[in-house]
């Protein structure tokens, strides 16, 4: 996989029937050479795109170096969406490709009318959840407190990206399912939650768990 320089062209509403709403990024058509990357994992998610010509390979690269191909995006497909503020995947052109930006408003409208796009959006959320869970486990290996703190911080960021209350985690965190997600026992999970509660970072809530100090929780996850 190699990189090449790209070109951008001003997008005028009169010249194309798509992408006429101004999105968060600059309204430019992007022309990608074969092998060029549209976005990398870790990049800020600041633009959504529609493929106009060519094709993109959308894949995830795991910490062990292997690539998992998620899908190929062809003309008419939307790419770049997700719930987190950053990309967890990479999109690379497999041929000379042109993409145009679309606005969030247009994307929301398409979600209501395109069942396939709505399904892809739901799957993206599941994929991001799994990505953050694996990252939490890896970063907290040998340190269950960091593991749980990292996971809660990731869940909070996902909630914020979905427009929900980032301080409220609606999962039942005393359940075996969550403990299994984090590769730990229910008793160990309960013990960690008590520690975080004693430090004023979380508190029990009727609907699940309340993060009372997200800044402290994130700092703890990074430093633990």
C-alpha atoms as a PDB file:
ATOM      1  CA  UNK A   1       0.000   0.000   0.000  1.00  0.00           C
ATOM      2  CA  UNK A   2       1.542   3.305  -1.013  1.00  0.00           C
ATOM      3  CA  UNK A   3       0.641   6.955  -0.750  1.00  0.00           C
ATOM      4  CA  UNK A   4       0.404   9.494  -3.512  1.00  0.00           C
ATOM      5  CA  UNK A   5      -0.529  13.143  -3.672  1.00  0.00           C
ATOM      6  CA  UNK A   6      -4.182  14.069  -4.030  1.00  0.00           C
ATOM      7  CA  UNK A   7      -6.052  16.876  -5.686  1.00  0.00           C
ATOM      8  CA  UNK A   8      -9.020  18.822  -4.389  1.00  0.00           C
ATOM      9  CA  UNK A   9     -11.599  20.571  -6.526  1.00  0.00           C
ATOM     10  CA  UNK A  10     -14.134  23.126  -5.401  1.00  0.00           C
ATOM     11  CA  UNK A  11     -17.604  21.632  -5.168  1.00  0.00           C
ATOM     12  CA  UNK A  12     -20.267  23.825  -6.753  1.00  0.00           C
ATOM     13  CA  UNK A  13     -23.943  22.923  -6.150  1.00  0.00           C
ATOM     14  CA  UNK A  14     -24.718  23.482  -9.806  1.00  0.00           C
ATOM     15  CA  UNK A  15     -22.104  21.001 -11.001  1.00  0.00           C
ATOM     16  CA  UNK A  16     -23.270  17.887  -9.171  1.00  0.00           C
ATOM     17  CA  UNK A  17     -26.422  16.576  -7.622  1.00  0.00           C
ATOM     18  CA  UNK A  18     -24.743  15.286  -4.456  1.00  0.00           C
ATOM     19  CA  UNK A  19     -22.896  16.774  -1.541  1.00  0.00           C
ATOM     20  CA  UNK A  20     -24.350  20.244  -1.999  1.00  0.00           C
ATOM     21  CA  UNK A  21     -24.872  20.807   1.734  1.00  0.00           C
ATOM     22  CA  UNK A  22     -21.759  22.200   3.395  1.00  0.00           C
ATOM     23  CA  UNK A  23     -20.316  19.741   5.890  1.00  0.00           C
ATOM     24  CA  UNK A  24     -18.013  20.353   8.822  1.00  0.00           C
ATOM     25  CA  UNK A  25     -14.908  20.181   6.640  1.00  0.00           C
ATOM     26  CA  UNK A  26     -14.160  22.229   3.547  1.00  0.00           C
ATOM     27  CA  UNK A  27     -16.536  21.520   0.670  1.00  0.00           C
ATOM     28  CA  UNK A  28     -14.135  19.995  -1.841  1.00  0.00           C
ATOM     29  CA  UNK A  29     -14.247  16.994  -4.081  1.00  0.00           C
ATOM     30  CA  UNK A  30     -11.193  14.852  -3.432  1.00  0.00           C
ATOM     31  CA  UNK A  31      -9.423  12.947  -6.169  1.00  0.00           C
ATOM     32  CA  UNK A  32      -7.402  10.019  -4.852  1.00  0.00           C
ATOM     33  CA  UNK A  33      -4.683   8.126  -6.663  1.00  0.00           C
ATOM     34  CA  UNK A  34      -4.598   4.360  -6.375  1.00  0.00           C
ATOM     35  CA  UNK A  35      -3.165   3.475  -2.964  1.00  0.00           C
ATOM     36  CA  UNK A  36      -3.876   6.887  -1.443  1.00  0.00           C
ATOM     37  CA  UNK A  37      -5.635   7.039   1.911  1.00  0.00           C
ATOM     38  CA  UNK A  38      -8.814   9.028   2.479  1.00  0.00           C
ATOM     39  CA  UNK A  39      -8.522   8.759   6.274  1.00  0.00           C
ATOM     40  CA  UNK A  40      -6.430   6.821   8.764  1.00  0.00           C
ATOM     41  CA  UNK A  41      -7.295   5.276  12.109  1.00  0.00           C
ATOM     42  CA  UNK A  42      -6.660   7.984  14.688  1.00  0.00           C
ATOM     43  CA  UNK A  43      -7.621  10.872  12.381  1.00  0.00           C
ATOM     44  CA  UNK A  44     -10.286  13.286  13.581  1.00  0.00           C
ATOM     45  CA  UNK A  45     -13.703  12.409  12.151  1.00  0.00           C
ATOM     46  CA  UNK A  46     -14.533  15.770  10.608  1.00  0.00           C
ATOM     47  CA  UNK A  47     -16.027  14.872   7.230  1.00  0.00           C
ATOM     48  CA  UNK A  48     -18.389  12.374   5.616  1.00  0.00           C
ATOM     49  CA  UNK A  49     -17.974  11.397   1.967  1.00  0.00           C
ATOM     50  CA  UNK A  50     -19.892   9.867  -0.910  1.00  0.00           C
ATOM     51  CA  UNK A  51     -17.913   7.822  -3.435  1.00  0.00           C
ATOM     52  CA  UNK A  52     -18.465   9.265  -6.912  1.00  0.00           C
ATOM     53  CA  UNK A  53     -16.013   7.153  -8.917  1.00  0.00           C
ATOM     54  CA  UNK A  54     -13.587   4.332  -8.224  1.00  0.00           C
ATOM     55  CA  UNK A  55     -13.491   2.258  -5.041  1.00  0.00           C
ATOM     56  CA  UNK A  56     -12.129   2.329  -1.502  1.00  0.00           C
ATOM     57  CA  UNK A  57     -10.995  -0.540   0.694  1.00  0.00           C
ATOM     58  CA  UNK A  58     -12.248   0.107   4.214  1.00  0.00           C
ATOM     59  CA  UNK A  59     -10.249  -1.844   6.767  1.00  0.00           C
ATOM     60  CA  UNK A  60      -9.139  -2.038  10.392  1.00  0.00           C
ATOM     61  CA  UNK A  61      -5.564  -2.589  11.457  1.00  0.00           C
ATOM     62  CA  UNK A  62      -5.141  -4.388  14.771  1.00  0.00           C
ATOM     63  CA  UNK A  63      -2.254  -4.038  17.207  1.00  0.00           C
ATOM     64  CA  UNK A  64      -0.707  -7.324  16.059  1.00  0.00           C
ATOM     65  CA  UNK A  65      -0.347  -5.817  12.580  1.00  0.00           C
ATOM     66  CA  UNK A  66      -2.998  -7.796  10.720  1.00  0.00           C
ATOM     67  CA  UNK A  67      -5.562  -6.041   8.516  1.00  0.00           C
ATOM     68  CA  UNK A  68      -9.259  -6.869   8.685  1.00  0.00           C
ATOM     69  CA  UNK A  69     -11.145  -5.787   5.575  1.00  0.00           C
ATOM     70  CA  UNK A  70     -14.539  -4.417   6.571  1.00  0.00           C
ATOM     71  CA  UNK A  71     -15.985  -3.561   3.173  1.00  0.00           C
ATOM     72  CA  UNK A  72     -15.335  -2.049  -0.226  1.00  0.00           C
ATOM     73  CA  UNK A  73     -17.040   1.271  -0.915  1.00  0.00           C
ATOM     74  CA  UNK A  74     -18.210   1.833  -4.490  1.00  0.00           C
ATOM     75  CA  UNK A  75     -19.926   4.760  -6.284  1.00  0.00           C
ATOM     76  CA  UNK A  76     -22.964   5.889  -4.328  1.00  0.00           C
ATOM     77  CA  UNK A  77     -21.708   4.547  -0.991  1.00  0.00           C
ATOM     78  CA  UNK A  78     -21.241   6.841   2.007  1.00  0.00           C
ATOM     79  CA  UNK A  79     -18.056   6.444   4.037  1.00  0.00           C
ATOM     80  CA  UNK A  80     -16.438   8.075   7.058  1.00  0.00           C
ATOM     81  CA  UNK A  81     -19.318   7.799   9.534  1.00  0.00           C
ATOM     82  CA  UNK A  82     -19.192   6.543  13.107  1.00  0.00           C
ATOM     83  CA  UNK A  83     -19.967   7.459  16.698  1.00  0.00           C
ATOM     84  CA  UNK A  84     -16.524   8.388  18.002  1.00  0.00           C
ATOM     85  CA  UNK A  85     -14.782  11.703  17.341  1.00  0.00           C
ATOM     86  CA  UNK A  86     -11.884   9.861  15.703  1.00  0.00           C
ATOM     87  CA  UNK A  87     -11.638   7.187  13.048  1.00  0.00           C
ATOM     88  CA  UNK A  88     -10.843   3.668  14.233  1.00  0.00           C
ATOM     89  CA  UNK A  89     -10.511   2.389  10.660  1.00  0.00           C
ATOM     90  CA  UNK A  90      -8.708   3.320   7.451  1.00  0.00           C
ATOM     91  CA  UNK A  91     -10.064   3.885   3.927  1.00  0.00           C
ATOM     92  CA  UNK A  92      -7.667   3.498   0.998  1.00  0.00           C
ATOM     93  CA  UNK A  93      -8.310   3.886  -2.720  1.00  0.00           C
ATOM     94  CA  UNK A  94      -7.890   0.673  -4.729  1.00  0.00           C
ATOM     95  CA  UNK A  95      -8.276   2.582  -8.017  1.00  0.00           C
ATOM     96  CA  UNK A  96      -8.370   6.212  -9.086  1.00  0.00           C
ATOM     97  CA  UNK A  97     -11.215   7.480  -6.945  1.00  0.00           C
ATOM     98  CA  UNK A  98     -13.291  10.622  -6.545  1.00  0.00           C
ATOM     99  CA  UNK A  99     -15.261  11.390  -3.368  1.00  0.00           C
ATOM    100  CA  UNK A 100     -17.473  14.333  -2.536  1.00  0.00           C
ATOM    101  CA  UNK A 101     -18.326  15.637   0.949  1.00  0.00           C
ATOM    102  CA  UNK A 102     -21.833  15.456   2.359  1.00  0.00           C
ATOM    103  CA  UNK A 103     -23.234  17.322   5.336  1.00  0.00           C
ATOM    104  CA  UNK A 104     -24.367  15.735   8.572  1.00  0.00           C
ATOM    105  CA  UNK A 105     -27.884  16.927   7.776  1.00  0.00           C
ATOM    106  CA  UNK A 106     -27.879  15.051   4.482  1.00  0.00           C
ATOM    107  CA  UNK A 107     -26.462  11.980   6.197  1.00  0.00           C
ATOM    108  CA  UNK A 108     -29.255  12.045   8.794  1.00  0.00           C
ATOM    109  CA  UNK A 109     -31.823  12.314   6.005  1.00  0.00           C
ATOM    110  CA  UNK A 110     -30.284   9.359   4.169  1.00  0.00           C
ATOM    111  CA  UNK A 111     -30.326   7.275   7.338  1.00  0.00           C
ATOM    112  CA  UNK A 112     -34.093   7.624   7.452  1.00  0.00           C
ATOM    113  CA  UNK A 113     -34.604   6.510   3.861  1.00  0.00           C
ATOM    114  CA  UNK A 114     -31.781   4.027   3.256  1.00  0.00           C
ATOM    115  CA  UNK A 115     -32.118   0.836   5.284  1.00  0.00           C
ATOM    116  CA  UNK A 116     -28.766  -0.504   4.107  1.00  0.00           C
ATOM    117  CA  UNK A 117     -26.967   2.662   5.231  1.00  0.00           C
ATOM    118  CA  UNK A 118     -28.754   2.535   8.589  1.00  0.00           C
ATOM    119  CA  UNK A 119     -27.600  -1.065   9.025  1.00  0.00           C
ATOM    120  CA  UNK A 120     -24.008  -0.112   8.188  1.00  0.00           C
ATOM    121  CA  UNK A 121     -24.190   2.732  10.708  1.00  0.00           C
ATOM    122  CA  UNK A 122     -25.383   0.340  13.426  1.00  0.00           C
ATOM    123  CA  UNK A 123     -22.595  -2.107  12.592  1.00  0.00           C
ATOM    124  CA  UNK A 124     -20.076   0.748  12.780  1.00  0.00           C
ATOM    125  CA  UNK A 125     -21.191   1.399  16.351  1.00  0.00           C
ATOM    126  CA  UNK A 126     -20.741  -2.259  17.261  1.00  0.00           C
ATOM    127  CA  UNK A 127     -17.305  -2.284  15.633  1.00  0.00           C
ATOM    128  CA  UNK A 128     -16.195   0.809  17.544  1.00  0.00           C
ATOM    129  CA  UNK A 129     -17.455  -0.725  20.789  1.00  0.00           C
ATOM    130  CA  UNK A 130     -15.388  -3.873  20.151  1.00  0.00           C
ATOM    131  CA  UNK A 131     -12.365  -1.769  19.174  1.00  0.00           C
ATOM    132  CA  UNK A 132     -12.489   0.275  22.376  1.00  0.00           C
ATOM    133  CA  UNK A 133     -13.101  -2.850  24.459  1.00  0.00           C
ATOM    134  CA  UNK A 134     -10.029  -4.561  23.008  1.00  0.00           C
ATOM    135  CA  UNK A 135      -7.977  -1.403  23.478  1.00  0.00           C
ATOM    136  CA  UNK A 136      -9.146  -1.193  27.103  1.00  0.00           C
ATOM    137  CA  UNK A 137      -8.129  -4.789  27.745  1.00  0.00           C
ATOM    138  CA  UNK A 138      -4.736  -4.356  26.081  1.00  0.00           C
ATOM    139  CA  UNK A 139      -3.942  -1.064  27.803  1.00  0.00           C
ATOM    140  CA  UNK A 140      -5.032  -2.437  31.183  1.00  0.00           C
ATOM    141  CA  UNK A 141      -3.427  -5.861  30.911  1.00  0.00           C
ATOM    142  CA  UNK A 142      -2.319  -6.770  34.432  1.00  0.00           C
ATOM    143  CA  UNK A 143      -4.147  -3.715  35.812  1.00  0.00           C
ATOM    144  CA  UNK A 144      -7.914  -4.335  36.082  1.00  0.00           C
ATOM    145  CA  UNK A 145      -8.595  -0.862  37.482  1.00  0.00           C
ATOM    146  CA  UNK A 146      -7.094   0.800  34.409  1.00  0.00           C
ATOM    147  CA  UNK A 147      -8.970  -1.652  32.202  1.00  0.00           C
ATOM    148  CA  UNK A 148     -12.346  -0.654  33.644  1.00  0.00           C
ATOM    149  CA  UNK A 149     -11.502   3.057  33.697  1.00  0.00           C
ATOM    150  CA  UNK A 150     -10.423   2.946  30.041  1.00  0.00           C
ATOM    151  CA  UNK A 151     -13.588   1.100  29.078  1.00  0.00           C
ATOM    152  CA  UNK A 152     -15.857   3.553  30.919  1.00  0.00           C
ATOM    153  CA  UNK A 153     -14.066   6.522  29.345  1.00  0.00           C
ATOM    154  CA  UNK A 154     -14.508   4.955  25.901  1.00  0.00           C
ATOM    155  CA  UNK A 155     -18.209   4.314  26.544  1.00  0.00           C
ATOM    156  CA  UNK A 156     -18.615   7.941  27.598  1.00  0.00           C
ATOM    157  CA  UNK A 157     -16.996   9.159  24.368  1.00  0.00           C
ATOM    158  CA  UNK A 158     -19.271   6.907  22.318  1.00  0.00           C
ATOM    159  CA  UNK A 159     -22.351   8.236  24.110  1.00  0.00           C
ATOM    160  CA  UNK A 160     -21.248  11.799  23.416  1.00  0.00           C
ATOM    161  CA  UNK A 161     -20.729  10.943  19.742  1.00  0.00           C
ATOM    162  CA  UNK A 162     -24.254   9.521  19.559  1.00  0.00           C
ATOM    163  CA  UNK A 163     -25.770  12.632  21.178  1.00  0.00           C
ATOM    164  CA  UNK A 164     -26.555  10.879  24.471  1.00  0.00           C
ATOM    165  CA  UNK A 165     -25.602  11.874  28.019  1.00  0.00           C
ATOM    166  CA  UNK A 166     -21.857  11.069  28.222  1.00  0.00           C
ATOM    167  CA  UNK A 167     -21.975  10.837  32.014  1.00  0.00           C
ATOM    168  CA  UNK A 168     -24.565   8.037  32.068  1.00  0.00           C
ATOM    169  CA  UNK A 169     -23.513   4.485  31.250  1.00  0.00           C
ATOM    170  CA  UNK A 170     -26.698   2.491  30.832  1.00  0.00           C
ATOM    171  CA  UNK A 171     -25.029  -0.933  30.808  1.00  0.00           C
ATOM    172  CA  UNK A 172     -25.609  -3.096  33.899  1.00  0.00           C
ATOM    173  CA  UNK A 173     -22.032  -3.099  35.127  1.00  0.00           C
ATOM    174  CA  UNK A 174     -22.523  -5.761  37.740  1.00  0.00           C
ATOM    175  CA  UNK A 175     -23.515  -8.253  35.047  1.00  0.00           C
ATOM    176  CA  UNK A 176     -21.463 -11.202  33.929  1.00  0.00           C
ATOM    177  CA  UNK A 177     -21.681 -10.019  30.314  1.00  0.00           C
ATOM    178  CA  UNK A 178     -19.749  -6.812  31.017  1.00  0.00           C
ATOM    179  CA  UNK A 179     -17.204  -8.670  33.146  1.00  0.00           C
ATOM    180  CA  UNK A 180     -16.707 -11.121  30.292  1.00  0.00           C
ATOM    181  CA  UNK A 181     -16.242  -8.228  27.874  1.00  0.00           C
ATOM    182  CA  UNK A 182     -13.404  -6.977  30.078  1.00  0.00           C
ATOM    183  CA  UNK A 183     -11.905 -10.431  30.604  1.00  0.00           C
ATOM    184  CA  UNK A 184     -12.393 -10.380  34.382  1.00  0.00           C
ATOM    185  CA  UNK A 185     -14.635 -11.900  37.032  1.00  0.00           C
ATOM    186  CA  UNK A 186     -17.847 -10.278  38.296  1.00  0.00           C
ATOM    187  CA  UNK A 187     -16.330  -9.944  41.779  1.00  0.00           C
ATOM    188  CA  UNK A 188     -13.220  -8.263  40.395  1.00  0.00           C
ATOM    189  CA  UNK A 189     -15.361  -5.847  38.377  1.00  0.00           C
ATOM    190  CA  UNK A 190     -17.449  -4.982  41.437  1.00  0.00           C
ATOM    191  CA  UNK A 191     -14.280  -4.359  43.440  1.00  0.00           C
ATOM    192  CA  UNK A 192     -12.882  -1.992  40.812  1.00  0.00           C
ATOM    193  CA  UNK A 193     -16.164  -0.071  40.621  1.00  0.00           C
ATOM    194  CA  UNK A 194     -16.065   0.371  44.410  1.00  0.00           C
ATOM    195  CA  UNK A 195     -12.548   1.773  44.120  1.00  0.00           C
ATOM    196  CA  UNK A 196     -13.577   4.232  41.419  1.00  0.00           C
ATOM    197  CA  UNK A 197     -16.637   5.237  43.435  1.00  0.00           C
ATOM    198  CA  UNK A 198     -14.514   5.821  46.545  1.00  0.00           C
ATOM    199  CA  UNK A 199     -12.319   8.152  44.496  1.00  0.00           C
ATOM    200  CA  UNK A 200     -15.349  10.143  43.343  1.00  0.00           C
ATOM    201  CA  UNK A 201     -15.180   9.164  39.685  1.00  0.00           C
ATOM    202  CA  UNK A 202     -18.368   7.091  39.394  1.00  0.00           C
ATOM    203  CA  UNK A 203     -21.593   6.546  41.305  1.00  0.00           C
ATOM    204  CA  UNK A 204     -24.480   4.121  41.074  1.00  0.00           C
ATOM    205  CA  UNK A 205     -27.542   5.396  39.194  1.00  0.00           C
ATOM    206  CA  UNK A 206     -31.049   4.024  38.644  1.00  0.00           C
ATOM    207  CA  UNK A 207     -30.395   3.664  34.912  1.00  0.00           C
ATOM    208  CA  UNK A 208     -26.919   2.185  35.270  1.00  0.00           C
ATOM    209  CA  UNK A 209     -23.712   3.955  36.269  1.00  0.00           C
ATOM    210  CA  UNK A 210     -23.018   7.681  36.516  1.00  0.00           C
ATOM    211  CA  UNK A 211     -19.575   9.062  35.690  1.00  0.00           C
ATOM    212  CA  UNK A 212     -19.218  11.913  38.158  1.00  0.00           C
ATOM    213  CA  UNK A 213     -15.770  13.138  37.076  1.00  0.00           C
ATOM    214  CA  UNK A 214     -14.951  12.197  33.471  1.00  0.00           C
ATOM    215  CA  UNK A 215     -11.750  14.271  33.402  1.00  0.00           C
ATOM    216  CA  UNK A 216     -10.361  12.492  36.454  1.00  0.00           C
ATOM    217  CA  UNK A 217     -11.454   9.117  35.044  1.00  0.00           C
ATOM    218  CA  UNK A 218      -9.646   9.732  31.754  1.00  0.00           C
ATOM    219  CA  UNK A 219      -6.490  10.919  33.506  1.00  0.00           C
ATOM    220  CA  UNK A 220      -6.603   7.870  35.760  1.00  0.00           C
ATOM    221  CA  UNK A 221      -7.027   5.561  32.759  1.00  0.00           C
ATOM    222  CA  UNK A 222      -4.018   7.124  31.041  1.00  0.00           C
ATOM    223  CA  UNK A 223      -1.788   7.112  34.116  1.00  0.00           C
ATOM    224  CA  UNK A 224      -2.863   3.961  35.953  1.00  0.00           C
END
